[in-house]
Amino acid sequence: MARHLVPFLVALSLACGPAEEQRTLPDESGDLDVGGDQRGHLEGTRPAGPDLGGTHWRYVESACTEGSPRFIDEGFERTVDVYADSEGLLLVYDHQLGESCRETVVQRSKPGAESEEAWSMVEEARVHQGECPTDPEPDRPGDVRRRGDFLEVYVQRSNWCNGLEVKMVYAPADRAAFEGEELIRRYAAHFNRQDAARITALFAANGSLVDPFTRTPTDQPMRYDGQRAIYEWFEEAFANTPWLAMRVTGIEAGPAPGAFTMSWEYMDPRLDVPFGGRNLFTIAGGEIFETTIEITQQEVEVENREGEAIGETTEGEAEPAAAPAPPPADPESGSE
C-alpha cells in the first residue's frame, strides 16, 4: 500500500501548483528559534489574546523584511476569521489571487511560553480552486499582534517573501454570510483537519447529511438530521482512522439557487488507492442545509515512481463493506 500512497500524498502537496523560482537571499535561519530576541520591529504593538475570538478582518497591506510579497497586487483580496480555544488562536483565511485562484487556509497560532516570546505558526489545511501559484507554508515562528485597531500577523521565513519574514496587516470588518464556494472550501479544510465541531458549525441547526456508507433497512443511504447527529457522524468517522486526506478537484454551482457540487479524491491508511466522489450541497443564508455524499470512482488512477498507472477508474458506488472510509465532510463544524 505504501507505494500507492506516496504518489497521492505528493500530488496533495503540489495541489496549488509549482512554486515560483526562489531568489538568493540572506541567511535568516537563526530566526527559526521560537523565543528569539530580535523583536524590535514589534515595538508599539501588544500581544493578541483570546478576546480576538469571533472577530473578522480584511487585508489592508503587507511587507517583507526586504522587498514586497509575491503574488500580491492591486487585485489581491483577503479576509481572516479568528477563533480562540485552549491552544491559542485559529486563523481561517480566504483570499483571491488574480481571476482564477481562490484559497482557504487554516493556520494554528500558539503563543510562546512567555508573553513576549514568538508564536508557533502551523498551517493545518489549504483548499484551493483554480490554478494557484502559492505553496503550503512550512511550520514557522511568528507573531499575532495588535497595533491600535489593526491586527498584524507575522511569519518568519515565509513563502510569501521568498524566505524572509512577512507582515500582513488587517483592519476590523463585519462578517457577511458565507458565500457558497467559501463555505464549501471551509468544509473541506476542516474535514482534512478532522475537526467535527467546526464542520458541524457550518450546518444549519436543522441541516442534514446523507451518507452512502450506511444503509437503511430498505437499502437507502442513511440520513442524519440536525447538528447533533451530524456531529456524531463526523466524530465516529474521524475516530476510525489516524489520518485522512481529501483533495478537492472542483467546486461548481448547480442550476438551482444554492446548489453546489464539490468533487474530490479521498485516501486513508485502510485503502490501497484513493477513491473519488462528490458532495451535493444545498446552501442558503450562509449555512449548509443539506449535503449528500456520492461515490463516483471506486479507484482513482495514480502513478507510481516509475510512472506506471495504478488502479482503474470505475464508475458507480463503492461497496460499504469494502470501503468503510469516511466520505468528505463539511469543513466548518463546531462552534466558530
C-alpha atoms as a PDB file:
ATOM      1  CA  MET A   1       0.000   0.000   0.000  1.00  0.00           C
ATOM      2  CA  ALA A   2       2.929   2.334   0.698  1.00  0.00           C
ATOM      3  CA  ARG A   3       3.905   2.504  -2.952  1.00  0.00           C
ATOM      4  CA  HIS A   4       0.363   3.556  -3.847  1.00  0.00           C
ATOM      5  CA  LEU A   5       0.167   6.134  -1.101  1.00  0.00           C
ATOM      6  CA  VAL A   6       3.356   8.072  -1.856  1.00  0.00           C
ATOM      7  CA  PRO A   7       2.248   9.457  -5.250  1.00  0.00           C
ATOM      8  CA  PHE A   8      -1.123  10.518  -3.842  1.00  0.00           C
ATOM      9  CA  LEU A   9       0.451  12.446  -0.973  1.00  0.00           C
ATOM     10  CA  VAL A  10       2.951  14.030  -3.350  1.00  0.00           C
ATOM     11  CA  ALA A  11       0.038  15.130  -5.528  1.00  0.00           C
ATOM     12  CA  LEU A  12      -1.646  16.682  -2.498  1.00  0.00           C
ATOM     13  CA  SER A  13       1.474  18.663  -1.621  1.00  0.00           C
ATOM     14  CA  LEU A  14       1.567  20.063  -5.155  1.00  0.00           C
ATOM     15  CA  ALA A  15      -2.154  20.801  -5.341  1.00  0.00           C
ATOM     16  CA  CYS A  16      -1.697  24.559  -5.515  1.00  0.00           C
ATOM     17  CA  GLY A  17       0.788  24.432  -8.373  1.00  0.00           C
ATOM     18  CA  PRO A  18       4.572  24.728  -8.643  1.00  0.00           C
ATOM     19  CA  ALA A  19       6.458  27.314  -6.662  1.00  0.00           C
ATOM     20  CA  GLU A  20       7.977  30.310  -8.358  1.00  0.00           C
ATOM     21  CA  GLU A  21      11.751  30.054  -8.694  1.00  0.00           C
ATOM     22  CA  GLN A  22      13.378  31.214  -5.459  1.00  0.00           C
ATOM     23  CA  ARG A  23      15.924  34.013  -5.495  1.00  0.00           C
ATOM     24  CA  THR A  24      19.134  34.091  -3.451  1.00  0.00           C
ATOM     25  CA  LEU A  25      18.527  35.684  -0.074  1.00  0.00           C
ATOM     26  CA  PRO A  26      20.394  36.447   3.152  1.00  0.00           C
ATOM     27  CA  ASP A  27      20.630  33.595   5.636  1.00  0.00           C
ATOM     28  CA  GLU A  28      17.927  34.134   8.250  1.00  0.00           C
ATOM     29  CA  SER A  29      17.981  30.600   9.634  1.00  0.00           C
ATOM     30  CA  GLY A  30      18.574  31.918  13.153  1.00  0.00           C
ATOM     31  CA  ASP A  31      15.046  33.268  13.263  1.00  0.00           C
ATOM     32  CA  LEU A  32      13.647  29.753  13.463  1.00  0.00           C
ATOM     33  CA  ASP A  33      14.321  29.588  17.204  1.00  0.00           C
ATOM     34  CA  VAL A  34      10.993  30.426  18.781  1.00  0.00           C
ATOM     35  CA  GLY A  35      11.544  32.887  21.588  1.00  0.00           C
ATOM     36  CA  GLY A  36      14.413  34.742  19.933  1.00  0.00           C
ATOM     37  CA  ASP A  37      15.103  38.331  20.987  1.00  0.00           C
ATOM     38  CA  GLN A  38      15.169  40.011  17.538  1.00  0.00           C
ATOM     39  CA  ARG A  39      11.794  41.633  18.023  1.00  0.00           C
ATOM     40  CA  GLY A  40      12.424  45.345  17.730  1.00  0.00           C
ATOM     41  CA  HIS A  41      10.035  45.606  14.785  1.00  0.00           C
ATOM     42  CA  LEU A  42       7.189  44.778  17.176  1.00  0.00           C
ATOM     43  CA  GLU A  43       7.667  47.975  19.145  1.00  0.00           C
ATOM     44  CA  GLY A  44       4.355  49.787  19.571  1.00  0.00           C
ATOM     45  CA  THR A  45       2.319  46.545  19.367  1.00  0.00           C
ATOM     46  CA  ARG A  46       0.755  44.349  22.022  1.00  0.00           C
ATOM     47  CA  PRO A  47       0.257  40.572  22.004  1.00  0.00           C
ATOM     48  CA  ALA A  48      -3.037  39.246  20.707  1.00  0.00           C
ATOM     49  CA  GLY A  49      -5.224  37.388  23.175  1.00  0.00           C
ATOM     50  CA  PRO A  50      -8.309  35.195  23.355  1.00  0.00           C
ATOM     51  CA  ASP A  51     -10.501  38.306  23.130  1.00  0.00           C
ATOM     52  CA  LEU A  52      -9.862  38.149  19.368  1.00  0.00           C
ATOM     53  CA  GLY A  53     -12.037  35.040  19.152  1.00  0.00           C
ATOM     54  CA  GLY A  54     -15.059  35.540  16.909  1.00  0.00           C
ATOM     55  CA  THR A  55     -13.635  38.564  15.069  1.00  0.00           C
ATOM     56  CA  HIS A  56     -13.401  39.140  11.319  1.00  0.00           C
ATOM     57  CA  TRP A  57     -10.728  41.165   9.479  1.00  0.00           C
ATOM     58  CA  ARG A  58      -9.933  42.357   5.959  1.00  0.00           C
ATOM     59  CA  TYR A  59      -6.496  42.724   4.381  1.00  0.00           C
ATOM     60  CA  VAL A  60      -5.011  46.230   4.292  1.00  0.00           C
ATOM     61  CA  GLU A  61      -1.304  45.942   3.436  1.00  0.00           C
ATOM     62  CA  SER A  62       1.753  43.711   3.686  1.00  0.00           C
ATOM     63  CA  ALA A  63       5.540  43.913   3.648  1.00  0.00           C
ATOM     64  CA  CYS A  64       8.615  41.692   3.688  1.00  0.00           C
ATOM     65  CA  THR A  65      11.842  42.196   5.596  1.00  0.00           C
ATOM     66  CA  GLU A  66      13.225  43.007   2.163  1.00  0.00           C
ATOM     67  CA  GLY A  67      11.021  43.888  -0.803  1.00  0.00           C
ATOM     68  CA  SER A  68       7.352  43.133  -1.386  1.00  0.00           C
ATOM     69  CA  PRO A  69       5.415  39.857  -1.022  1.00  0.00           C
ATOM     70  CA  ARG A  70       4.953  37.685  -4.086  1.00  0.00           C
ATOM     71  CA  PHE A  71       1.589  37.396  -5.838  1.00  0.00           C
ATOM     72  CA  ILE A  72       0.070  40.425  -4.104  1.00  0.00           C
ATOM     73  CA  ASP A  73      -1.127  43.155  -6.454  1.00  0.00           C
ATOM     74  CA  GLU A  74      -3.961  45.644  -6.634  1.00  0.00           C
ATOM     75  CA  GLY A  75      -6.482  42.839  -7.158  1.00  0.00           C
ATOM     76  CA  PHE A  76      -5.459  40.912  -4.034  1.00  0.00           C
ATOM     77  CA  GLU A  77      -8.295  40.358  -1.563  1.00  0.00           C
ATOM     78  CA  ARG A  78      -8.075  38.524   1.741  1.00  0.00           C
ATOM     79  CA  THR A  79     -10.112  38.144   4.905  1.00  0.00           C
ATOM     80  CA  VAL A  80      -9.367  36.309   8.136  1.00  0.00           C
ATOM     81  CA  ASP A  81     -11.679  34.922  10.804  1.00  0.00           C
ATOM     82  CA  VAL A  82     -10.136  34.438  14.239  1.00  0.00           C
ATOM     83  CA  TYR A  83     -11.286  31.724  16.654  1.00  0.00           C
ATOM     84  CA  ALA A  84      -9.915  31.263  20.168  1.00  0.00           C
ATOM     85  CA  ASP A  85      -9.575  27.966  22.041  1.00  0.00           C
ATOM     86  CA  SER A  86      -7.375  26.338  24.677  1.00  0.00           C
ATOM     87  CA  GLU A  87      -4.451  26.007  22.249  1.00  0.00           C
ATOM     88  CA  GLY A  88      -4.351  29.634  21.179  1.00  0.00           C
ATOM     89  CA  LEU A  89      -5.863  31.112  18.039  1.00  0.00           C
ATOM     90  CA  LEU A  90      -7.130  29.509  14.839  1.00  0.00           C
ATOM     91  CA  LEU A  91      -6.862  31.831  11.826  1.00  0.00           C
ATOM     92  CA  VAL A  92      -9.002  30.974   8.801  1.00  0.00           C
ATOM     93  CA  TYR A  93      -8.028  32.939   5.690  1.00  0.00           C
ATOM     94  CA  ASP A  94      -9.932  33.317   2.440  1.00  0.00           C
ATOM     95  CA  HIS A  95      -8.125  35.046  -0.390  1.00  0.00           C
ATOM     96  CA  GLN A  96      -8.278  35.616  -4.103  1.00  0.00           C
ATOM     97  CA  LEU A  97      -5.210  35.846  -6.348  1.00  0.00           C
ATOM     98  CA  GLY A  98      -5.985  37.191  -9.790  1.00  0.00           C
ATOM     99  CA  GLU A  99      -9.109  35.943 -11.523  1.00  0.00           C
ATOM    100  CA  SER A 100      -8.546  32.189 -11.313  1.00  0.00           C
ATOM    101  CA  CYS A 101      -7.271  31.386  -7.799  1.00  0.00           C
ATOM    102  CA  ARG A 102      -9.329  31.246  -4.623  1.00  0.00           C
ATOM    103  CA  GLU A 103      -7.980  29.638  -1.471  1.00  0.00           C
ATOM    104  CA  THR A 104      -8.964  28.890   2.106  1.00  0.00           C
ATOM    105  CA  VAL A 105      -6.064  28.393   4.535  1.00  0.00           C
ATOM    106  CA  VAL A 106      -6.322  27.340   8.184  1.00  0.00           C
ATOM    107  CA  GLN A 107      -3.396  28.361  10.407  1.00  0.00           C
ATOM    108  CA  ARG A 108      -2.919  27.347  14.047  1.00  0.00           C
ATOM    109  CA  SER A 109      -1.217  30.106  16.056  1.00  0.00           C
ATOM    110  CA  LYS A 110       0.114  29.222  19.512  1.00  0.00           C
ATOM    111  CA  PRO A 111       1.684  31.847  21.796  1.00  0.00           C
ATOM    112  CA  GLY A 112       5.113  31.306  23.301  1.00  0.00           C
ATOM    113  CA  ALA A 113       5.613  30.328  26.933  1.00  0.00           C
ATOM    114  CA  GLU A 114       6.236  33.971  27.848  1.00  0.00           C
ATOM    115  CA  SER A 115       4.110  36.885  26.664  1.00  0.00           C
ATOM    116  CA  GLU A 116       6.899  38.386  24.547  1.00  0.00           C
ATOM    117  CA  GLU A 117       8.136  35.144  23.001  1.00  0.00           C
ATOM    118  CA  ALA A 118       7.442  34.314  19.365  1.00  0.00           C
ATOM    119  CA  TRP A 119       4.367  32.293  18.444  1.00  0.00           C
ATOM    120  CA  SER A 120       4.287  28.952  16.656  1.00  0.00           C
ATOM    121  CA  MET A 121       2.558  29.304  13.259  1.00  0.00           C
ATOM    122  CA  VAL A 122       1.380  25.988  11.780  1.00  0.00           C
ATOM    123  CA  GLU A 123      -0.627  25.660   8.567  1.00  0.00           C
ATOM    124  CA  GLU A 124      -3.177  22.897   9.147  1.00  0.00           C
ATOM    125  CA  ALA A 125      -5.114  22.901   5.877  1.00  0.00           C
ATOM    126  CA  ARG A 126      -5.217  24.555   2.459  1.00  0.00           C
ATOM    127  CA  VAL A 127      -8.007  24.172  -0.116  1.00  0.00           C
ATOM    128  CA  HIS A 128      -7.895  25.919  -3.461  1.00  0.00           C
ATOM    129  CA  GLN A 129      -9.998  26.500  -6.546  1.00  0.00           C
ATOM    130  CA  GLY A 130      -8.389  27.203  -9.889  1.00  0.00           C
ATOM    131  CA  GLU A 131      -4.704  27.482 -10.715  1.00  0.00           C
ATOM    132  CA  CYS A 132      -2.931  28.865  -7.642  1.00  0.00           C
ATOM    133  CA  PRO A 133       0.777  29.833  -7.586  1.00  0.00           C
ATOM    134  CA  THR A 134       1.060  29.525  -3.809  1.00  0.00           C
ATOM    135  CA  ASP A 135       2.632  26.717  -1.770  1.00  0.00           C
ATOM    136  CA  PRO A 136       1.824  25.373   1.698  1.00  0.00           C
ATOM    137  CA  GLU A 137       3.649  27.356   4.387  1.00  0.00           C
ATOM    138  CA  PRO A 138       6.065  25.258   6.499  1.00  0.00           C
ATOM    139  CA  ASP A 139       5.778  25.460  10.285  1.00  0.00           C
ATOM    140  CA  ARG A 140       7.460  28.681  11.371  1.00  0.00           C
ATOM    141  CA  PRO A 141       7.791  31.071  14.302  1.00  0.00           C
ATOM    142  CA  GLY A 142       5.806  34.276  14.021  1.00  0.00           C
ATOM    143  CA  ASP A 143       3.575  36.665  15.926  1.00  0.00           C
ATOM    144  CA  VAL A 144      -0.025  37.748  16.161  1.00  0.00           C
ATOM    145  CA  ARG A 145      -0.100  41.349  17.411  1.00  0.00           C
ATOM    146  CA  ARG A 146      -2.394  44.334  17.813  1.00  0.00           C
ATOM    147  CA  ARG A 147      -1.328  47.836  16.809  1.00  0.00           C
ATOM    148  CA  GLY A 148      -4.093  50.239  17.696  1.00  0.00           C
ATOM    149  CA  ASP A 149      -7.219  48.953  15.961  1.00  0.00           C
ATOM    150  CA  PHE A 150      -5.250  46.826  13.486  1.00  0.00           C
ATOM    151  CA  LEU A 151      -4.264  43.167  13.536  1.00  0.00           C
ATOM    152  CA  GLU A 152      -0.730  42.260  12.424  1.00  0.00           C
ATOM    153  CA  VAL A 153       0.279  38.678  11.574  1.00  0.00           C
ATOM    154  CA  TYR A 154       3.982  37.892  11.165  1.00  0.00           C
ATOM    155  CA  VAL A 155       5.505  34.677   9.783  1.00  0.00           C
ATOM    156  CA  GLN A 156       9.269  34.202   9.642  1.00  0.00           C
ATOM    157  CA  ARG A 157      10.957  32.732   6.556  1.00  0.00           C
ATOM    158  CA  SER A 158       7.660  32.847   4.703  1.00  0.00           C
ATOM    159  CA  ASN A 159       6.907  31.641   1.182  1.00  0.00           C
ATOM    160  CA  TRP A 160       5.213  34.999   0.582  1.00  0.00           C
ATOM    161  CA  CYS A 161       8.629  36.676   0.903  1.00  0.00           C
ATOM    162  CA  ASN A 162      10.931  34.044  -0.646  1.00  0.00           C
ATOM    163  CA  GLY A 163      12.202  33.008   2.774  1.00  0.00           C
ATOM    164  CA  LEU A 164      12.111  36.335   4.607  1.00  0.00           C
ATOM    165  CA  GLU A 165       9.626  37.469   7.211  1.00  0.00           C
ATOM    166  CA  VAL A 166       6.210  38.640   6.050  1.00  0.00           C
ATOM    167  CA  LYS A 167       3.934  41.039   7.881  1.00  0.00           C
ATOM    168  CA  MET A 168       0.265  41.238   6.917  1.00  0.00           C
ATOM    169  CA  VAL A 169      -1.965  43.949   8.326  1.00  0.00           C
ATOM    170  CA  TYR A 170      -5.735  43.651   8.708  1.00  0.00           C
ATOM    171  CA  ALA A 171      -8.484  46.093   9.670  1.00  0.00           C
ATOM    172  CA  PRO A 172     -11.640  45.086  11.567  1.00  0.00           C
ATOM    173  CA  ALA A 173     -14.611  44.252   9.335  1.00  0.00           C
ATOM    174  CA  ASP A 174     -18.168  42.975   9.607  1.00  0.00           C
ATOM    175  CA  ARG A 175     -18.643  39.302   8.772  1.00  0.00           C
ATOM    176  CA  ALA A 176     -21.161  38.796   5.971  1.00  0.00           C
ATOM    177  CA  ALA A 177     -22.891  35.456   5.455  1.00  0.00           C
ATOM    178  CA  PHE A 178     -20.626  32.839   3.918  1.00  0.00           C
ATOM    179  CA  GLU A 179     -20.857  32.539   0.162  1.00  0.00           C
ATOM    180  CA  GLY A 180     -21.404  29.058  -1.248  1.00  0.00           C
ATOM    181  CA  GLU A 181     -17.907  28.315  -2.544  1.00  0.00           C
ATOM    182  CA  GLU A 182     -16.261  29.837   0.534  1.00  0.00           C
ATOM    183  CA  LEU A 183     -18.425  27.668   2.798  1.00  0.00           C
ATOM    184  CA  ILE A 184     -17.553  24.539   0.815  1.00  0.00           C
ATOM    185  CA  ARG A 185     -13.809  25.253   0.941  1.00  0.00           C
ATOM    186  CA  ARG A 186     -14.095  25.556   4.719  1.00  0.00           C
ATOM    187  CA  TYR A 187     -15.997  22.289   4.807  1.00  0.00           C
ATOM    188  CA  ALA A 188     -13.111  20.585   3.012  1.00  0.00           C
ATOM    189  CA  ALA A 189     -10.418  22.312   5.097  1.00  0.00           C
ATOM    190  CA  HIS A 190     -11.936  21.308   8.428  1.00  0.00           C
ATOM    191  CA  PHE A 191     -12.603  17.804   7.119  1.00  0.00           C
ATOM    192  CA  ASN A 192      -8.884  17.395   6.433  1.00  0.00           C
ATOM    193  CA  ARG A 193      -8.209  18.738   9.937  1.00  0.00           C
ATOM    194  CA  GLN A 194     -10.640  16.113  11.306  1.00  0.00           C
ATOM    195  CA  ASP A 195     -12.452  18.838  13.236  1.00  0.00           C
ATOM    196  CA  ALA A 196     -16.012  17.590  13.703  1.00  0.00           C
ATOM    197  CA  ALA A 197     -17.072  20.606  15.755  1.00  0.00           C
ATOM    198  CA  ARG A 198     -16.118  23.213  13.169  1.00  0.00           C
ATOM    199  CA  ILE A 199     -17.632  21.213  10.352  1.00  0.00           C
ATOM    200  CA  THR A 200     -20.921  20.924  12.204  1.00  0.00           C
ATOM    201  CA  ALA A 201     -20.980  24.678  12.810  1.00  0.00           C
ATOM    202  CA  LEU A 202     -21.261  25.187   9.047  1.00  0.00           C
ATOM    203  CA  PHE A 203     -24.653  23.434   9.018  1.00  0.00           C
ATOM    204  CA  ALA A 204     -27.995  24.969   9.778  1.00  0.00           C
ATOM    205  CA  ALA A 205     -29.485  23.831  13.113  1.00  0.00           C
ATOM    206  CA  ASN A 206     -31.876  21.549  11.213  1.00  0.00           C
ATOM    207  CA  GLY A 207     -29.360  20.637   8.491  1.00  0.00           C
ATOM    208  CA  SER A 208     -28.925  17.123   7.110  1.00  0.00           C
ATOM    209  CA  LEU A 209     -26.182  14.803   5.886  1.00  0.00           C
ATOM    210  CA  VAL A 210     -26.931  11.832   3.604  1.00  0.00           C
ATOM    211  CA  ASP A 211     -24.354   9.050   3.912  1.00  0.00           C
ATOM    212  CA  PRO A 212     -23.946   6.260   1.302  1.00  0.00           C
ATOM    213  CA  PHE A 213     -21.742   4.160   3.599  1.00  0.00           C
ATOM    214  CA  THR A 214     -24.606   3.370   5.987  1.00  0.00           C
ATOM    215  CA  ARG A 215     -27.817   1.856   4.627  1.00  0.00           C
ATOM    216  CA  THR A 216     -31.362   1.800   5.933  1.00  0.00           C
ATOM    217  CA  PRO A 217     -33.336  -1.490   6.189  1.00  0.00           C
ATOM    218  CA  THR A 218     -34.700  -0.700   2.704  1.00  0.00           C
ATOM    219  CA  ASP A 219     -31.109  -0.274   1.399  1.00  0.00           C
ATOM    220  CA  GLN A 220     -31.307   3.517   1.097  1.00  0.00           C
ATOM    221  CA  PRO A 221     -28.485   5.880   2.154  1.00  0.00           C
ATOM    222  CA  MET A 222     -28.794   6.822   5.815  1.00  0.00           C
ATOM    223  CA  ARG A 223     -29.897  10.377   6.595  1.00  0.00           C
ATOM    224  CA  TYR A 224     -28.613  12.281   9.647  1.00  0.00           C
ATOM    225  CA  ASP A 225     -30.779  15.250  10.619  1.00  0.00           C
ATOM    226  CA  GLY A 226     -29.767  18.046  12.986  1.00  0.00           C
ATOM    227  CA  GLN A 227     -26.378  19.284  14.178  1.00  0.00           C
ATOM    228  CA  ARG A 228     -26.070  16.712  16.986  1.00  0.00           C
ATOM    229  CA  ALA A 229     -26.499  13.771  14.601  1.00  0.00           C
ATOM    230  CA  ILE A 230     -24.140  15.343  12.067  1.00  0.00           C
ATOM    231  CA  TYR A 231     -21.500  15.991  14.718  1.00  0.00           C
ATOM    232  CA  GLU A 232     -21.673  12.398  15.957  1.00  0.00           C
ATOM    233  CA  TRP A 233     -21.347  11.089  12.398  1.00  0.00           C
ATOM    234  CA  PHE A 234     -18.143  13.067  11.846  1.00  0.00           C
ATOM    235  CA  GLU A 235     -16.763  12.188  15.275  1.00  0.00           C
ATOM    236  CA  GLU A 236     -17.171   8.477  14.531  1.00  0.00           C
ATOM    237  CA  ALA A 237     -15.755   8.821  11.008  1.00  0.00           C
ATOM    238  CA  PHE A 238     -12.632  10.623  12.239  1.00  0.00           C
ATOM    239  CA  ALA A 239     -12.121   8.214  15.151  1.00  0.00           C
ATOM    240  CA  ASN A 240     -11.841   5.296  12.725  1.00  0.00           C
ATOM    241  CA  THR A 241      -8.616   6.450  11.029  1.00  0.00           C
ATOM    242  CA  PRO A 242      -5.366   8.019  12.270  1.00  0.00           C
ATOM    243  CA  TRP A 243      -5.157  10.281   9.235  1.00  0.00           C
ATOM    244  CA  LEU A 244      -7.056  11.063   6.067  1.00  0.00           C
ATOM    245  CA  ALA A 245      -6.697  13.274   3.025  1.00  0.00           C
ATOM    246  CA  MET A 246      -9.366  14.688   0.757  1.00  0.00           C
ATOM    247  CA  ARG A 247      -8.210  16.573  -2.334  1.00  0.00           C
ATOM    248  CA  VAL A 248     -10.824  18.862  -3.828  1.00  0.00           C
ATOM    249  CA  THR A 249     -10.787  18.602  -7.623  1.00  0.00           C
ATOM    250  CA  GLY A 250     -13.606  21.028  -8.379  1.00  0.00           C
ATOM    251  CA  ILE A 251     -16.437  23.146  -6.991  1.00  0.00           C
ATOM    252  CA  GLU A 252     -19.289  24.017  -9.336  1.00  0.00           C
ATOM    253  CA  ALA A 253     -22.556  25.892  -8.916  1.00  0.00           C
ATOM    254  CA  GLY A 254     -25.671  23.940  -9.851  1.00  0.00           C
ATOM    255  CA  PRO A 255     -28.713  25.039 -11.871  1.00  0.00           C
ATOM    256  CA  ALA A 256     -30.812  25.886  -8.793  1.00  0.00           C
ATOM    257  CA  PRO A 257     -30.039  28.733  -6.359  1.00  0.00           C
ATOM    258  CA  GLY A 258     -27.851  27.466  -3.518  1.00  0.00           C
ATOM    259  CA  ALA A 259     -26.977  24.185  -5.267  1.00  0.00           C
ATOM    260  CA  PHE A 260     -23.279  23.279  -5.479  1.00  0.00           C
ATOM    261  CA  THR A 261     -21.214  20.197  -6.271  1.00  0.00           C
ATOM    262  CA  MET A 262     -17.793  19.548  -4.767  1.00  0.00           C
ATOM    263  CA  SER A 263     -15.754  16.781  -6.450  1.00  0.00           C
ATOM    264  CA  TRP A 264     -12.931  15.123  -4.537  1.00  0.00           C
ATOM    265  CA  GLU A 265     -10.478  12.264  -4.156  1.00  0.00           C
ATOM    266  CA  TYR A 266     -10.109  10.533  -0.801  1.00  0.00           C
ATOM    267  CA  MET A 267      -7.346   8.470   0.837  1.00  0.00           C
ATOM    268  CA  ASP A 268      -6.669   6.976   4.267  1.00  0.00           C
ATOM    269  CA  PRO A 269      -4.457   4.133   5.610  1.00  0.00           C
ATOM    270  CA  ARG A 270      -7.138   1.480   5.055  1.00  0.00           C
ATOM    271  CA  LEU A 271      -7.084   1.950   1.283  1.00  0.00           C
ATOM    272  CA  ASP A 272      -4.587   0.752  -1.328  1.00  0.00           C
ATOM    273  CA  VAL A 273      -5.541   3.532  -3.744  1.00  0.00           C
ATOM    274  CA  PRO A 274      -7.717   6.647  -3.432  1.00  0.00           C
ATOM    275  CA  PHE A 275     -11.352   6.658  -4.448  1.00  0.00           C
ATOM    276  CA  GLY A 276     -13.361   9.533  -5.905  1.00  0.00           C
ATOM    277  CA  GLY A 277     -16.671  11.093  -5.059  1.00  0.00           C
ATOM    278  CA  ARG A 278     -18.636  14.276  -4.668  1.00  0.00           C
ATOM    279  CA  ASN A 279     -20.789  16.210  -2.242  1.00  0.00           C
ATOM    280  CA  LEU A 280     -24.060  17.720  -3.413  1.00  0.00           C
ATOM    281  CA  PHE A 281     -24.788  20.814  -1.320  1.00  0.00           C
ATOM    282  CA  THR A 282     -27.880  22.885  -0.685  1.00  0.00           C
ATOM    283  CA  ILE A 283     -26.812  26.225   0.814  1.00  0.00           C
ATOM    284  CA  ALA A 284     -28.865  29.209   1.922  1.00  0.00           C
ATOM    285  CA  GLY A 285     -28.177  32.151   4.204  1.00  0.00           C
ATOM    286  CA  GLY A 286     -24.518  31.180   4.593  1.00  0.00           C
ATOM    287  CA  GLU A 287     -25.363  27.721   6.029  1.00  0.00           C
ATOM    288  CA  ILE A 288     -25.433  24.154   4.743  1.00  0.00           C
ATOM    289  CA  PHE A 289     -28.990  22.837   4.759  1.00  0.00           C
ATOM    290  CA  GLU A 290     -28.100  19.506   3.222  1.00  0.00           C
ATOM    291  CA  THR A 291     -25.179  17.633   1.780  1.00  0.00           C
ATOM    292  CA  THR A 292     -25.400  14.278   0.043  1.00  0.00           C
ATOM    293  CA  ILE A 293     -22.235  12.217  -0.368  1.00  0.00           C
ATOM    294  CA  GLU A 294     -21.874  10.130  -3.516  1.00  0.00           C
ATOM    295  CA  ILE A 295     -19.102   7.764  -4.591  1.00  0.00           C
ATOM    296  CA  THR A 296     -18.259   8.216  -8.277  1.00  0.00           C
ATOM    297  CA  GLN A 297     -14.989   6.270  -8.673  1.00  0.00           C
ATOM    298  CA  GLN A 298     -14.085   3.136  -6.764  1.00  0.00           C
ATOM    299  CA  GLU A 299     -10.432   3.709  -7.593  1.00  0.00           C
ATOM    300  CA  VAL A 300      -8.606   6.860  -8.685  1.00  0.00           C
ATOM    301  CA  GLU A 301      -5.752   6.232 -11.078  1.00  0.00           C
ATOM    302  CA  VAL A 302      -2.398   7.475  -9.778  1.00  0.00           C
ATOM    303  CA  GLU A 303       1.170   6.859 -10.885  1.00  0.00           C
ATOM    304  CA  ASN A 304       3.959   5.124  -9.017  1.00  0.00           C
ATOM    305  CA  ARG A 305       7.516   6.396  -9.073  1.00  0.00           C
ATOM    306  CA  GLU A 306       8.198   4.593 -12.361  1.00  0.00           C
ATOM    307  CA  GLY A 307       5.261   6.375 -13.987  1.00  0.00           C
ATOM    308  CA  GLU A 308       3.100   3.259 -14.185  1.00  0.00           C
ATOM    309  CA  ALA A 309      -0.643   3.680 -13.754  1.00  0.00           C
ATOM    310  CA  ILE A 310      -2.079   2.236 -10.536  1.00  0.00           C
ATOM    311  CA  GLY A 311      -5.754   1.463 -10.140  1.00  0.00           C
ATOM    312  CA  GLU A 312      -8.535   1.501 -12.675  1.00  0.00           C
ATOM    313  CA  THR A 313     -11.134   4.235 -12.746  1.00  0.00           C
ATOM    314  CA  THR A 314     -14.623   2.812 -12.409  1.00  0.00           C
ATOM    315  CA  GLU A 315     -17.985   4.460 -12.190  1.00  0.00           C
ATOM    316  CA  GLY A 316     -20.530   3.549  -9.551  1.00  0.00           C
ATOM    317  CA  GLU A 317     -20.793   3.351  -5.798  1.00  0.00           C
ATOM    318  CA  ALA A 318     -18.199   1.610  -3.664  1.00  0.00           C
ATOM    319  CA  GLU A 319     -19.409  -1.287  -1.549  1.00  0.00           C
ATOM    320  CA  PRO A 320     -19.633  -0.054   2.074  1.00  0.00           C
ATOM    321  CA  ALA A 321     -18.076  -3.264   3.415  1.00  0.00           C
ATOM    322  CA  ALA A 322     -15.109  -2.955   1.076  1.00  0.00           C
ATOM    323  CA  ALA A 323     -14.515   0.739   1.646  1.00  0.00           C
ATOM    324  CA  PRO A 324     -15.708   1.883   5.046  1.00  0.00           C
ATOM    325  CA  ALA A 325     -13.668   5.073   4.775  1.00  0.00           C
ATOM    326  CA  PRO A 326     -15.418   8.264   5.860  1.00  0.00           C
ATOM    327  CA  PRO A 327     -16.613  10.400   2.962  1.00  0.00           C
ATOM    328  CA  PRO A 328     -15.740  14.087   2.699  1.00  0.00           C
ATOM    329  CA  ALA A 329     -17.306  16.147   5.379  1.00  0.00           C
ATOM    330  CA  ASP A 330     -18.416  19.714   5.813  1.00  0.00           C
ATOM    331  CA  PRO A 331     -15.439  21.824   6.525  1.00  0.00           C
ATOM    332  CA  GLU A 332     -16.529  24.096   9.257  1.00  0.00           C
ATOM    333  CA  SER A 333     -18.330  22.439  12.046  1.00  0.00           C
ATOM    334  CA  GLY A 334     -18.483  23.184  15.671  1.00  0.00           C
ATOM    335  CA  SER A 335     -18.944  26.494  17.187  1.00  0.00           C
ATOM    336  CA  GLU A 336     -16.850  29.048  15.452  1.00  0.00           C
END
